[in-house]
Amino acid sequence: MNLLALDTATEACSVAARINGRWAQRFVDLGRGHTDALMPMIHEVMEELGAGFGDLERLAVGRGPGAFTGVRIGVACAQGLAQGLGVPVAPVSNLAAMAWVAAAERGDGLVAVAIDARAGGVYFGGFDTAAGRLPEPVIAERVCPPEQVPLIDRPRILTAGTGWTRHPEVLAEAVGCPTVDSGVRLPSARAIAELALLGAPTVAAADVEPVYLRDQVVHAPKAKA
């Protein structure tokens, strides 16, 4: 299947395309400026593969959770391209995409993914992973203070995401079990594309729903007097 995947939900901006079995990808950690960077990156990967947009059969996009503006940029771009081409879109969880890469790097198991959500919070989710199948969500995605992530009853878990870099001790205490750092910090369009190829559900372009999780308000704990 020929597809194009893109992700702008975090400080990373990334694009990946697979055309006739060949891959091209771009990834940059730029913090801001996703709007300016995204379309040139898309054109670069398509030109590298000698392909046109008419060759695409599917779009895939990181649907969040992540920064409000970043998620919106990626979803809007995917919707616009998909509508113009008349192809479906696979909206993929950014947390699931990171769990997929973590398992590929360090082995199957439960991956606890935490992305720094600013304001003292993290986007958090847990996924059971195994080769050849989509990550299975076993801890629902949420945004919360790091000390309020769920206790996990496992002999060992893999960790992924910038949240573990920002709040390592607090998160480790909260999950309450041994952790192994996968080294994965940010989501990538390549992982999103791989999950789309593995069978992530598709929807019509107009039906892509961004996931912000910000209806769950993060309240940082008050300092003790």
N, C-alpha and C. Protein backbone atom coordinates (compact mmCIF):
# COMPACT_ATOMS: atom_id res chain seq x y z
N MET A 1 0.84 -1.20 0.00
CA MET A 1 0.00 0.00 0.00
C MET A 1 0.87 1.25 0.00
N ASN A 2 0.52 2.22 -0.81
CA ASN A 2 1.23 3.49 -0.85
C ASN A 2 0.58 4.46 0.13
N LEU A 3 1.36 4.98 1.05
CA LEU A 3 0.77 5.89 2.02
C LEU A 3 1.75 6.96 2.45
N LEU A 4 1.19 8.03 2.99
CA LEU A 4 1.94 9.15 3.54
C LEU A 4 1.47 9.35 4.97
N ALA A 5 2.43 9.48 5.90
CA ALA A 5 2.09 9.71 7.30
C ALA A 5 2.77 10.99 7.76
N LEU A 6 2.10 11.70 8.66
CA LEU A 6 2.69 12.93 9.19
C LEU A 6 2.31 13.10 10.65
N ASP A 7 3.17 13.83 11.38
CA ASP A 7 2.92 14.04 12.79
C ASP A 7 3.50 15.36 13.24
N THR A 8 2.67 16.16 13.92
CA THR A 8 3.10 17.45 14.46
C THR A 8 2.58 17.65 15.88
N ALA A 9 2.23 16.59 16.56
CA ALA A 9 1.53 16.71 17.85
C ALA A 9 2.44 17.14 19.00
N THR A 10 3.75 16.99 18.84
CA THR A 10 4.69 17.36 19.89
C THR A 10 5.70 18.35 19.32
N GLU A 11 6.81 18.55 20.01
CA GLU A 11 7.85 19.43 19.48
C GLU A 11 8.50 18.87 18.22
N ALA A 12 8.31 17.59 17.96
CA ALA A 12 8.83 16.99 16.74
C ALA A 12 7.88 17.22 15.57
N CYS A 13 8.46 17.38 14.38
CA CYS A 13 7.69 17.43 13.14
C CYS A 13 8.27 16.35 12.25
N SER A 14 7.43 15.42 11.81
CA SER A 14 7.96 14.32 11.03
C SER A 14 7.00 13.89 9.94
N VAL A 15 7.59 13.33 8.88
CA VAL A 15 6.85 12.86 7.71
C VAL A 15 7.49 11.56 7.25
N ALA A 16 6.67 10.61 6.83
CA ALA A 16 7.17 9.36 6.25
C ALA A 16 6.25 8.92 5.13
N ALA A 17 6.84 8.38 4.08
CA ALA A 17 6.05 7.88 2.96
C ALA A 17 6.58 6.51 2.54
N ARG A 18 5.65 5.66 2.13
CA ARG A 18 6.01 4.35 1.59
C ARG A 18 5.33 4.21 0.23
N ILE A 19 6.13 4.12 -0.81
CA ILE A 19 5.62 4.02 -2.17
C ILE A 19 6.25 2.80 -2.84
N ASN A 20 5.41 1.87 -3.24
CA ASN A 20 5.89 0.65 -3.91
C ASN A 20 6.98 -0.05 -3.11
N GLY A 21 6.78 -0.09 -1.79
CA GLY A 21 7.69 -0.82 -0.92
C GLY A 21 8.92 -0.05 -0.49
N ARG A 22 9.13 1.16 -0.98
CA ARG A 22 10.28 1.97 -0.61
C ARG A 22 9.87 3.06 0.36
N TRP A 23 10.76 3.36 1.30
CA TRP A 23 10.48 4.35 2.35
C TRP A 23 11.32 5.60 2.17
N ALA A 24 10.77 6.73 2.55
CA ALA A 24 11.51 7.98 2.73
C ALA A 24 10.91 8.68 3.94
N GLN A 25 11.74 9.34 4.72
CA GLN A 25 11.23 9.96 5.93
C GLN A 25 12.07 11.17 6.33
N ARG A 26 11.44 12.06 7.08
CA ARG A 26 12.11 13.22 7.65
C ARG A 26 11.63 13.38 9.08
N PHE A 27 12.54 13.81 9.95
CA PHE A 27 12.21 14.01 11.36
C PHE A 27 13.06 15.16 11.88
N VAL A 28 12.41 16.14 12.50
CA VAL A 28 13.16 17.24 13.10
C VAL A 28 12.49 17.64 14.41
N ASP A 29 13.30 17.84 15.43
CA ASP A 29 12.83 18.32 16.73
C ASP A 29 13.01 19.83 16.70
N LEU A 30 11.91 20.55 16.40
CA LEU A 30 12.07 21.99 16.20
C LEU A 30 11.30 22.85 17.19
N GLY A 31 10.54 22.24 18.07
CA GLY A 31 9.83 23.01 19.08
C GLY A 31 8.63 23.74 18.50
N ARG A 32 8.90 24.74 17.66
CA ARG A 32 7.83 25.50 17.02
C ARG A 32 8.12 25.60 15.52
N GLY A 33 7.13 26.11 14.79
CA GLY A 33 7.32 26.30 13.36
C GLY A 33 6.87 25.12 12.52
N HIS A 34 5.99 24.28 13.07
CA HIS A 34 5.52 23.11 12.33
C HIS A 34 4.81 23.49 11.03
N THR A 35 4.05 24.57 11.06
CA THR A 35 3.31 24.97 9.88
C THR A 35 4.24 25.25 8.71
N ASP A 36 5.33 25.93 8.98
CA ASP A 36 6.28 26.26 7.91
C ASP A 36 7.07 25.05 7.45
N ALA A 37 7.34 24.12 8.36
CA ALA A 37 8.21 22.99 8.02
C ALA A 37 7.48 21.83 7.36
N LEU A 38 6.19 21.66 7.65
CA LEU A 38 5.50 20.43 7.28
C LEU A 38 5.41 20.20 5.78
N MET A 39 4.86 21.13 5.03
CA MET A 39 4.67 20.91 3.60
C MET A 39 5.98 20.73 2.84
N PRO A 40 7.03 21.51 3.12
CA PRO A 40 8.31 21.22 2.45
C PRO A 40 8.82 19.81 2.73
N MET A 41 8.63 19.32 3.97
CA MET A 41 9.05 17.96 4.29
C MET A 41 8.25 16.93 3.50
N ILE A 42 6.95 17.18 3.36
CA ILE A 42 6.10 16.27 2.58
C ILE A 42 6.58 16.21 1.14
N HIS A 43 6.83 17.37 0.55
CA HIS A 43 7.30 17.40 -0.84
C HIS A 43 8.66 16.71 -0.98
N GLU A 44 9.52 16.86 0.02
CA GLU A 44 10.84 16.24 -0.04
C GLU A 44 10.76 14.71 -0.09
N VAL A 45 9.92 14.12 0.76
CA VAL A 45 9.86 12.66 0.78
C VAL A 45 9.20 12.13 -0.49
N MET A 46 8.21 12.83 -0.99
CA MET A 46 7.57 12.38 -2.22
C MET A 46 8.53 12.48 -3.41
N GLU A 47 9.30 13.55 -3.47
CA GLU A 47 10.28 13.71 -4.54
C GLU A 47 11.38 12.67 -4.43
N GLU A 48 11.81 12.37 -3.20
CA GLU A 48 12.85 11.35 -3.00
C GLU A 48 12.41 10.00 -3.56
N LEU A 49 11.12 9.71 -3.44
CA LEU A 49 10.59 8.43 -3.91
C LEU A 49 10.12 8.50 -5.37
N GLY A 50 10.25 9.67 -5.98
CA GLY A 50 9.82 9.82 -7.36
C GLY A 50 8.32 9.62 -7.53
N ALA A 51 7.56 10.06 -6.53
CA ALA A 51 6.12 9.81 -6.53
C ALA A 51 5.35 11.11 -6.53
N GLY A 52 4.11 11.04 -6.99
CA GLY A 52 3.19 12.16 -6.92
C GLY A 52 2.09 11.86 -5.93
N PHE A 53 1.35 12.88 -5.55
CA PHE A 53 0.27 12.68 -4.57
C PHE A 53 -0.79 11.72 -5.10
N GLY A 54 -0.94 11.65 -6.39
CA GLY A 54 -1.91 10.73 -6.96
C GLY A 54 -1.56 9.27 -6.77
N ASP A 55 -0.32 8.99 -6.36
CA ASP A 55 0.09 7.60 -6.09
C ASP A 55 -0.37 7.13 -4.72
N LEU A 56 -0.80 8.05 -3.88
CA LEU A 56 -1.14 7.69 -2.51
C LEU A 56 -2.50 7.00 -2.43
N GLU A 57 -2.56 5.97 -1.59
CA GLU A 57 -3.81 5.24 -1.36
C GLU A 57 -4.37 5.47 0.04
N ARG A 58 -3.55 6.05 0.91
CA ARG A 58 -3.98 6.27 2.29
C ARG A 58 -3.11 7.35 2.92
N LEU A 59 -3.70 8.10 3.84
CA LEU A 59 -2.99 9.03 4.71
C LEU A 59 -3.03 8.48 6.12
N ALA A 60 -2.02 8.81 6.91
CA ALA A 60 -2.02 8.49 8.34
C ALA A 60 -1.52 9.72 9.09
N VAL A 61 -2.05 9.93 10.28
CA VAL A 61 -1.68 11.13 11.03
C VAL A 61 -1.67 10.84 12.52
N GLY A 62 -0.74 11.47 13.22
CA GLY A 62 -0.76 11.43 14.67
C GLY A 62 -1.90 12.29 15.18
N ARG A 63 -2.92 11.67 15.78
CA ARG A 63 -4.14 12.39 16.15
C ARG A 63 -4.09 12.93 17.57
N GLY A 64 -2.91 12.83 18.22
CA GLY A 64 -2.77 13.26 19.60
C GLY A 64 -2.76 12.03 20.52
N PRO A 65 -2.65 12.26 21.82
CA PRO A 65 -2.64 13.56 22.47
C PRO A 65 -1.33 14.31 22.26
N GLY A 66 -1.43 15.63 22.46
CA GLY A 66 -0.27 16.48 22.30
C GLY A 66 -0.69 17.93 22.40
N ALA A 67 0.19 18.81 21.98
CA ALA A 67 -0.09 20.24 22.05
C ALA A 67 -1.28 20.59 21.16
N PHE A 68 -2.15 21.45 21.64
CA PHE A 68 -3.37 21.79 20.91
C PHE A 68 -3.06 22.25 19.49
N THR A 69 -2.17 23.22 19.35
CA THR A 69 -1.86 23.75 18.02
C THR A 69 -1.20 22.70 17.16
N GLY A 70 -0.26 21.95 17.72
CA GLY A 70 0.44 20.93 16.95
C GLY A 70 -0.49 19.86 16.42
N VAL A 71 -1.35 19.33 17.28
CA VAL A 71 -2.30 18.31 16.84
C VAL A 71 -3.18 18.85 15.72
N ARG A 72 -3.63 20.08 15.89
CA ARG A 72 -4.53 20.70 14.92
C ARG A 72 -3.85 20.84 13.56
N ILE A 73 -2.58 21.22 13.54
CA ILE A 73 -1.85 21.41 12.29
C ILE A 73 -1.79 20.09 11.51
N GLY A 74 -1.38 19.02 12.18
CA GLY A 74 -1.25 17.73 11.51
C GLY A 74 -2.56 17.20 11.00
N VAL A 75 -3.59 17.27 11.85
CA VAL A 75 -4.90 16.74 11.46
C VAL A 75 -5.47 17.54 10.29
N ALA A 76 -5.37 18.86 10.34
CA ALA A 76 -5.91 19.68 9.26
C ALA A 76 -5.20 19.40 7.94
N CYS A 77 -3.88 19.23 7.98
CA CYS A 77 -3.13 18.94 6.76
C CYS A 77 -3.53 17.59 6.19
N ALA A 78 -3.63 16.58 7.05
CA ALA A 78 -4.03 15.25 6.59
C ALA A 78 -5.44 15.28 5.99
N GLN A 79 -6.34 16.00 6.65
CA GLN A 79 -7.70 16.09 6.13
C GLN A 79 -7.73 16.76 4.76
N GLY A 80 -6.99 17.85 4.61
CA GLY A 80 -6.99 18.55 3.34
C GLY A 80 -6.45 17.70 2.21
N LEU A 81 -5.33 17.02 2.46
CA LEU A 81 -4.76 16.16 1.42
C LEU A 81 -5.69 15.00 1.10
N ALA A 82 -6.23 14.36 2.13
CA ALA A 82 -7.08 13.20 1.91
C ALA A 82 -8.36 13.55 1.16
N GLN A 83 -8.94 14.69 1.50
CA GLN A 83 -10.16 15.10 0.80
C GLN A 83 -9.87 15.37 -0.68
N GLY A 84 -8.75 16.03 -0.95
CA GLY A 84 -8.39 16.31 -2.33
C GLY A 84 -8.11 15.06 -3.13
N LEU A 85 -7.53 14.05 -2.48
CA LEU A 85 -7.15 12.82 -3.18
C LEU A 85 -8.25 11.77 -3.15
N GLY A 86 -9.24 11.95 -2.27
CA GLY A 86 -10.29 10.95 -2.15
C GLY A 86 -9.82 9.65 -1.53
N VAL A 87 -8.93 9.75 -0.52
CA VAL A 87 -8.41 8.56 0.15
C VAL A 87 -8.75 8.63 1.63
N PRO A 88 -8.79 7.49 2.32
CA PRO A 88 -9.10 7.49 3.76
C PRO A 88 -7.89 7.89 4.59
N VAL A 89 -8.14 8.15 5.86
CA VAL A 89 -7.11 8.54 6.81
C VAL A 89 -7.11 7.57 7.99
N ALA A 90 -5.92 7.17 8.41
CA ALA A 90 -5.78 6.38 9.64
C ALA A 90 -5.29 7.30 10.75
N PRO A 91 -6.17 7.70 11.68
CA PRO A 91 -5.73 8.51 12.82
C PRO A 91 -5.09 7.58 13.87
N VAL A 92 -3.86 7.84 14.22
CA VAL A 92 -3.10 6.94 15.10
C VAL A 92 -2.72 7.68 16.39
N SER A 93 -2.90 7.03 17.51
CA SER A 93 -2.49 7.59 18.79
C SER A 93 -0.98 7.82 18.82
N ASN A 94 -0.58 9.01 19.20
CA ASN A 94 0.85 9.28 19.34
C ASN A 94 1.47 8.43 20.42
N LEU A 95 0.73 8.16 21.48
CA LEU A 95 1.27 7.31 22.55
C LEU A 95 1.45 5.88 22.07
N ALA A 96 0.49 5.36 21.31
CA ALA A 96 0.61 4.01 20.78
C ALA A 96 1.78 3.89 19.82
N ALA A 97 2.01 4.94 19.01
CA ALA A 97 3.13 4.91 18.08
C ALA A 97 4.46 4.83 18.82
N MET A 98 4.56 5.53 19.94
CA MET A 98 5.79 5.48 20.74
C MET A 98 5.95 4.11 21.41
N ALA A 99 4.84 3.54 21.87
CA ALA A 99 4.91 2.21 22.47
C ALA A 99 5.39 1.18 21.45
N TRP A 100 4.94 1.32 20.20
CA TRP A 100 5.34 0.43 19.12
C TRP A 100 6.85 0.45 18.91
N VAL A 101 7.42 1.65 18.88
CA VAL A 101 8.87 1.78 18.67
C VAL A 101 9.63 1.26 19.88
N ALA A 102 9.13 1.58 21.08
CA ALA A 102 9.79 1.11 22.30
C ALA A 102 9.87 -0.41 22.34
N ALA A 103 8.79 -1.08 21.97
CA ALA A 103 8.77 -2.54 21.97
C ALA A 103 9.71 -3.10 20.92
N ALA A 104 9.78 -2.44 19.77
CA ALA A 104 10.68 -2.89 18.72
C ALA A 104 12.14 -2.77 19.16
N GLU A 105 12.43 -1.76 19.97
CA GLU A 105 13.80 -1.53 20.44
C GLU A 105 14.19 -2.46 21.59
N ARG A 106 13.24 -2.70 22.53
CA ARG A 106 13.60 -3.37 23.77
C ARG A 106 12.82 -4.64 24.07
N GLY A 107 11.91 -5.03 23.21
CA GLY A 107 11.15 -6.25 23.44
C GLY A 107 9.72 -5.99 23.85
N ASP A 108 8.88 -7.01 23.65
CA ASP A 108 7.46 -6.89 23.92
C ASP A 108 7.20 -6.72 25.42
N GLY A 109 5.99 -6.27 25.71
CA GLY A 109 5.57 -6.12 27.10
C GLY A 109 4.70 -4.89 27.24
N LEU A 110 4.47 -4.48 28.48
CA LEU A 110 3.69 -3.27 28.70
C LEU A 110 4.61 -2.06 28.61
N VAL A 111 4.19 -1.09 27.80
CA VAL A 111 4.94 0.16 27.66
C VAL A 111 4.12 1.29 28.26
N ALA A 112 4.69 1.97 29.24
CA ALA A 112 4.05 3.13 29.84
C ALA A 112 4.62 4.38 29.19
N VAL A 113 3.77 5.08 28.45
CA VAL A 113 4.21 6.25 27.68
C VAL A 113 3.75 7.51 28.39
N ALA A 114 4.67 8.44 28.57
CA ALA A 114 4.34 9.73 29.21
C ALA A 114 5.01 10.85 28.42
N ILE A 115 4.20 11.73 27.85
CA ILE A 115 4.72 12.90 27.16
C ILE A 115 4.51 14.12 28.05
N ASP A 116 5.54 14.94 28.17
CA ASP A 116 5.43 16.16 28.96
C ASP A 116 4.31 17.04 28.40
N ALA A 117 3.34 17.37 29.24
CA ALA A 117 2.19 18.17 28.81
C ALA A 117 2.26 19.60 29.31
N ARG A 118 3.42 19.99 29.86
CA ARG A 118 3.57 21.32 30.43
C ARG A 118 2.61 21.48 31.61
N ALA A 119 2.62 22.63 32.21
CA ALA A 119 1.71 22.95 33.33
C ALA A 119 1.74 21.88 34.41
N GLY A 120 2.88 21.20 34.54
CA GLY A 120 3.01 20.20 35.59
C GLY A 120 2.36 18.87 35.31
N GLY A 121 1.96 18.61 34.07
CA GLY A 121 1.25 17.38 33.75
C GLY A 121 1.94 16.54 32.70
N VAL A 122 1.38 15.35 32.48
CA VAL A 122 1.85 14.45 31.44
C VAL A 122 0.65 13.86 30.70
N TYR A 123 0.83 13.60 29.42
CA TYR A 123 -0.09 12.74 28.68
C TYR A 123 0.39 11.32 28.91
N PHE A 124 -0.49 10.47 29.40
CA PHE A 124 -0.06 9.14 29.84
C PHE A 124 -0.97 8.06 29.28
N GLY A 125 -0.40 6.93 28.94
CA GLY A 125 -1.16 5.76 28.52
C GLY A 125 -0.29 4.53 28.61
N GLY A 126 -0.91 3.36 28.72
CA GLY A 126 -0.18 2.10 28.80
C GLY A 126 -0.65 1.15 27.72
N PHE A 127 0.30 0.44 27.09
CA PHE A 127 -0.03 -0.41 25.96
C PHE A 127 0.70 -1.75 26.07
N ASP A 128 -0.06 -2.83 25.92
CA ASP A 128 0.55 -4.14 25.76
C ASP A 128 0.99 -4.29 24.31
N THR A 129 2.20 -4.76 24.12
CA THR A 129 2.76 -4.85 22.78
C THR A 129 3.23 -6.27 22.49
N ALA A 130 3.11 -6.64 21.25
CA ALA A 130 3.61 -7.93 20.76
C ALA A 130 3.87 -7.77 19.27
N ALA A 131 4.88 -8.46 18.78
CA ALA A 131 5.24 -8.35 17.38
C ALA A 131 4.07 -8.74 16.48
N GLY A 132 3.84 -7.94 15.45
CA GLY A 132 2.85 -8.29 14.45
C GLY A 132 1.44 -7.87 14.75
N ARG A 133 1.21 -7.15 15.86
CA ARG A 133 -0.14 -6.68 16.13
C ARG A 133 -0.09 -5.26 16.68
N LEU A 134 -1.21 -4.57 16.55
CA LEU A 134 -1.28 -3.21 17.03
C LEU A 134 -1.14 -3.17 18.56
N PRO A 135 -0.48 -2.13 19.09
CA PRO A 135 -0.43 -1.99 20.55
C PRO A 135 -1.84 -1.96 21.14
N GLU A 136 -2.03 -2.71 22.20
CA GLU A 136 -3.35 -2.79 22.83
C GLU A 136 -3.41 -1.85 24.04
N PRO A 137 -4.29 -0.86 24.01
CA PRO A 137 -4.37 0.05 25.17
C PRO A 137 -4.93 -0.66 26.39
N VAL A 138 -4.17 -0.67 27.46
CA VAL A 138 -4.62 -1.30 28.71
C VAL A 138 -4.72 -0.29 29.85
N ILE A 139 -4.14 0.88 29.66
CA ILE A 139 -4.32 2.01 30.58
C ILE A 139 -4.78 3.17 29.73
N ALA A 140 -5.99 3.63 29.97
CA ALA A 140 -6.60 4.65 29.12
C ALA A 140 -5.76 5.92 29.08
N GLU A 141 -5.70 6.53 27.89
CA GLU A 141 -4.99 7.79 27.74
C GLU A 141 -5.61 8.86 28.62
N ARG A 142 -4.74 9.68 29.21
CA ARG A 142 -5.22 10.72 30.11
C ARG A 142 -4.16 11.82 30.19
N VAL A 143 -4.56 12.97 30.72
CA VAL A 143 -3.60 14.00 31.09
C VAL A 143 -3.79 14.23 32.58
N CYS A 144 -2.68 14.21 33.31
CA CYS A 144 -2.77 14.32 34.76
C CYS A 144 -1.40 14.70 35.32
N PRO A 145 -1.33 15.13 36.56
CA PRO A 145 -0.04 15.33 37.20
C PRO A 145 0.72 14.00 37.26
N PRO A 146 2.03 14.01 37.17
CA PRO A 146 2.78 12.75 37.12
C PRO A 146 2.57 11.86 38.34
N GLU A 147 2.31 12.46 39.49
CA GLU A 147 2.11 11.65 40.70
C GLU A 147 0.75 10.96 40.70
N GLN A 148 -0.11 11.28 39.74
CA GLN A 148 -1.44 10.67 39.70
C GLN A 148 -1.61 9.65 38.58
N VAL A 149 -0.53 9.23 37.94
CA VAL A 149 -0.66 8.15 36.95
C VAL A 149 -0.97 6.86 37.69
N PRO A 150 -1.61 5.89 37.03
CA PRO A 150 -2.06 4.69 37.73
C PRO A 150 -0.90 3.80 38.21
N LEU A 151 -1.15 3.12 39.31
CA LEU A 151 -0.27 2.07 39.79
C LEU A 151 -0.33 0.91 38.80
N ILE A 152 0.83 0.33 38.46
CA ILE A 152 0.87 -0.75 37.48
C ILE A 152 1.41 -2.02 38.15
N ASP A 153 0.62 -3.06 38.10
CA ASP A 153 0.99 -4.33 38.73
C ASP A 153 1.62 -5.25 37.69
N ARG A 154 2.88 -5.01 37.40
CA ARG A 154 3.65 -5.83 36.47
C ARG A 154 5.05 -6.03 37.03
N PRO A 155 5.70 -7.15 36.68
CA PRO A 155 7.07 -7.36 37.15
C PRO A 155 8.04 -6.32 36.60
N ARG A 156 7.70 -5.78 35.41
CA ARG A 156 8.59 -4.83 34.75
C ARG A 156 7.81 -4.14 33.65
N ILE A 157 8.09 -2.86 33.41
CA ILE A 157 7.50 -2.17 32.27
C ILE A 157 8.58 -1.41 31.51
N LEU A 158 8.34 -1.21 30.23
CA LEU A 158 9.15 -0.30 29.43
C LEU A 158 8.58 1.10 29.55
N THR A 159 9.43 2.10 29.46
CA THR A 159 8.97 3.48 29.50
C THR A 159 9.38 4.20 28.22
N ALA A 160 8.58 5.18 27.84
CA ALA A 160 8.87 5.99 26.66
C ALA A 160 8.27 7.37 26.85
N GLY A 161 8.92 8.38 26.28
CA GLY A 161 8.36 9.72 26.28
C GLY A 161 9.12 10.74 27.10
N THR A 162 8.93 11.99 26.74
CA THR A 162 9.61 13.09 27.42
C THR A 162 9.15 13.28 28.85
N GLY A 163 7.97 12.77 29.19
CA GLY A 163 7.51 12.86 30.57
C GLY A 163 8.43 12.13 31.53
N TRP A 164 8.98 11.00 31.07
CA TRP A 164 9.89 10.24 31.93
C TRP A 164 11.22 10.96 32.11
N THR A 165 11.59 11.81 31.16
CA THR A 165 12.79 12.62 31.30
C THR A 165 12.54 13.78 32.25
N ARG A 166 11.35 14.36 32.16
CA ARG A 166 11.01 15.53 32.98
C ARG A 166 10.69 15.15 34.42
N HIS A 167 10.01 14.03 34.63
CA HIS A 167 9.56 13.66 35.98
C HIS A 167 9.96 12.20 36.30
N PRO A 168 11.22 11.84 36.21
CA PRO A 168 11.59 10.42 36.35
C PRO A 168 11.26 9.82 37.71
N GLU A 169 11.61 10.51 38.79
CA GLU A 169 11.40 9.94 40.11
C GLU A 169 9.91 9.87 40.47
N VAL A 170 9.19 10.94 40.15
CA VAL A 170 7.77 10.99 40.50
C VAL A 170 6.99 9.91 39.75
N LEU A 171 7.25 9.76 38.46
CA LEU A 171 6.54 8.75 37.68
C LEU A 171 6.91 7.34 38.15
N ALA A 172 8.19 7.11 38.41
CA ALA A 172 8.62 5.78 38.85
C ALA A 172 7.95 5.39 40.16
N GLU A 173 7.84 6.36 41.08
CA GLU A 173 7.18 6.07 42.35
C GLU A 173 5.69 5.81 42.14
N ALA A 174 5.07 6.57 41.22
CA ALA A 174 3.63 6.44 41.02
C ALA A 174 3.26 5.10 40.39
N VAL A 175 4.03 4.62 39.41
CA VAL A 175 3.67 3.34 38.78
C VAL A 175 3.99 2.16 39.68
N GLY A 176 4.98 2.33 40.56
CA GLY A 176 5.22 1.34 41.60
C GLY A 176 5.79 0.02 41.17
N CYS A 177 6.45 -0.05 40.02
CA CYS A 177 7.08 -1.30 39.60
C CYS A 177 8.38 -0.96 38.87
N PRO A 178 9.27 -1.95 38.69
CA PRO A 178 10.54 -1.69 38.00
C PRO A 178 10.32 -1.20 36.57
N THR A 179 11.15 -0.25 36.15
CA THR A 179 11.02 0.33 34.82
C THR A 179 12.31 0.16 34.03
N VAL A 180 12.16 0.06 32.72
CA VAL A 180 13.31 -0.01 31.80
C VAL A 180 13.11 1.07 30.74
N ASP A 181 14.07 1.97 30.65
CA ASP A 181 13.97 3.08 29.70
C ASP A 181 14.21 2.56 28.28
N SER A 182 13.23 2.78 27.40
CA SER A 182 13.38 2.33 26.00
C SER A 182 14.25 3.26 25.18
N GLY A 183 14.45 4.48 25.67
CA GLY A 183 15.18 5.47 24.90
C GLY A 183 14.32 6.26 23.93
N VAL A 184 13.06 5.90 23.78
CA VAL A 184 12.15 6.60 22.87
C VAL A 184 11.62 7.85 23.58
N ARG A 185 11.76 9.00 22.94
CA ARG A 185 11.35 10.25 23.57
C ARG A 185 10.16 10.91 22.88
N LEU A 186 10.10 10.85 21.54
CA LEU A 186 9.06 11.54 20.80
C LEU A 186 8.46 10.62 19.75
N PRO A 187 7.22 10.87 19.34
CA PRO A 187 6.60 10.04 18.29
C PRO A 187 7.19 10.37 16.93
N SER A 188 7.02 9.45 15.99
CA SER A 188 7.52 9.66 14.63
C SER A 188 6.47 9.25 13.61
N ALA A 189 6.51 9.91 12.46
CA ALA A 189 5.58 9.58 11.39
C ALA A 189 5.84 8.17 10.86
N ARG A 190 7.09 7.70 10.91
CA ARG A 190 7.38 6.34 10.44
C ARG A 190 6.63 5.31 11.28
N ALA A 191 6.61 5.48 12.59
CA ALA A 191 5.87 4.55 13.44
C ALA A 191 4.38 4.64 13.17
N ILE A 192 3.88 5.85 12.95
CA ILE A 192 2.46 6.02 12.63
C ILE A 192 2.13 5.32 11.32
N ALA A 193 3.01 5.44 10.34
CA ALA A 193 2.80 4.75 9.06
C ALA A 193 2.80 3.24 9.24
N GLU A 194 3.71 2.72 10.05
CA GLU A 194 3.79 1.28 10.26
C GLU A 194 2.52 0.75 10.93
N LEU A 195 1.96 1.51 11.86
CA LEU A 195 0.71 1.07 12.49
C LEU A 195 -0.46 1.15 11.52
N ALA A 196 -0.42 2.13 10.62
CA ALA A 196 -1.46 2.18 9.59
C ALA A 196 -1.38 0.97 8.67
N LEU A 197 -0.17 0.57 8.32
CA LEU A 197 0.01 -0.60 7.47
C LEU A 197 -0.39 -1.88 8.20
N LEU A 198 -0.25 -1.86 9.52
CA LEU A 198 -0.58 -3.04 10.32
C LEU A 198 -2.09 -3.20 10.51
N GLY A 199 -2.84 -2.15 10.17
CA GLY A 199 -4.30 -2.28 10.25
C GLY A 199 -5.00 -1.29 11.12
N ALA A 200 -4.34 -0.18 11.49
CA ALA A 200 -5.05 0.85 12.26
C ALA A 200 -6.29 1.29 11.49
N PRO A 201 -7.42 1.41 12.15
CA PRO A 201 -8.68 1.74 11.46
C PRO A 201 -8.60 3.07 10.70
N THR A 202 -9.31 3.14 9.60
CA THR A 202 -9.36 4.36 8.81
C THR A 202 -10.76 4.99 8.88
N VAL A 203 -10.79 6.28 8.60
CA VAL A 203 -12.05 7.01 8.53
C VAL A 203 -11.98 7.94 7.33
N ALA A 204 -13.12 8.48 6.95
CA ALA A 204 -13.14 9.51 5.92
C ALA A 204 -12.46 10.76 6.46
N ALA A 205 -11.89 11.54 5.56
CA ALA A 205 -11.13 12.72 5.96
C ALA A 205 -11.91 13.62 6.92
N ALA A 206 -13.18 13.85 6.63
CA ALA A 206 -13.99 14.75 7.44
C ALA A 206 -14.24 14.22 8.84
N ASP A 207 -14.03 12.93 9.05
CA ASP A 207 -14.34 12.31 10.34
C ASP A 207 -13.13 12.14 11.25
N VAL A 208 -11.97 12.64 10.84
CA VAL A 208 -10.78 12.54 11.69
C VAL A 208 -10.99 13.44 12.91
N GLU A 209 -10.84 12.86 14.11
CA GLU A 209 -11.06 13.60 15.35
C GLU A 209 -9.73 13.76 16.09
N PRO A 210 -9.27 15.00 16.26
CA PRO A 210 -8.07 15.20 17.08
C PRO A 210 -8.34 14.86 18.53
N VAL A 211 -7.32 14.40 19.23
CA VAL A 211 -7.45 14.05 20.64
C VAL A 211 -6.55 14.98 21.44
N TYR A 212 -7.17 15.85 22.23
CA TYR A 212 -6.41 16.81 23.03
C TYR A 212 -6.31 16.39 24.49
N LEU A 213 -7.35 15.77 25.02
CA LEU A 213 -7.45 15.37 26.43
C LEU A 213 -7.52 16.55 27.38
N ARG A 214 -7.56 17.77 26.86
CA ARG A 214 -7.52 18.93 27.74
C ARG A 214 -8.85 19.21 28.42
N ASP A 215 -9.89 18.40 28.15
CA ASP A 215 -11.10 18.53 28.95
C ASP A 215 -10.85 17.99 30.36
N GLN A 216 -9.71 17.25 30.48
CA GLN A 216 -9.28 16.81 31.81
C GLN A 216 -8.23 17.82 32.29
N VAL A 217 -8.61 18.66 33.22
CA VAL A 217 -7.75 19.76 33.59
C VAL A 217 -6.62 19.27 34.50
N VAL A 218 -5.41 19.72 34.21
CA VAL A 218 -4.27 19.40 35.06
C VAL A 218 -4.13 20.46 36.12
N HIS A 219 -4.14 20.04 37.37
CA HIS A 219 -3.90 20.97 38.46
C HIS A 219 -2.61 20.57 39.17
N ALA A 220 -1.60 21.39 39.08
CA ALA A 220 -0.36 21.11 39.79
C ALA A 220 -0.62 21.20 41.29
N PRO A 221 0.02 20.32 42.08
CA PRO A 221 -0.20 20.37 43.52
C PRO A 221 0.30 21.69 44.12
N LYS A 222 -0.44 22.20 45.11
CA LYS A 222 -0.05 23.44 45.76
C LYS A 222 1.16 23.20 46.66
N ALA A 223 2.02 24.20 46.72
CA ALA A 223 3.18 24.11 47.60
C ALA A 223 2.72 24.17 49.06
N LYS A 224 3.38 23.41 49.91
CA LYS A 224 3.04 23.43 51.33
C LYS A 224 3.53 24.73 51.95
N ALA A 225 2.76 25.23 52.86
CA ALA A 225 3.14 26.48 53.54
C ALA A 225 4.30 26.22 54.49
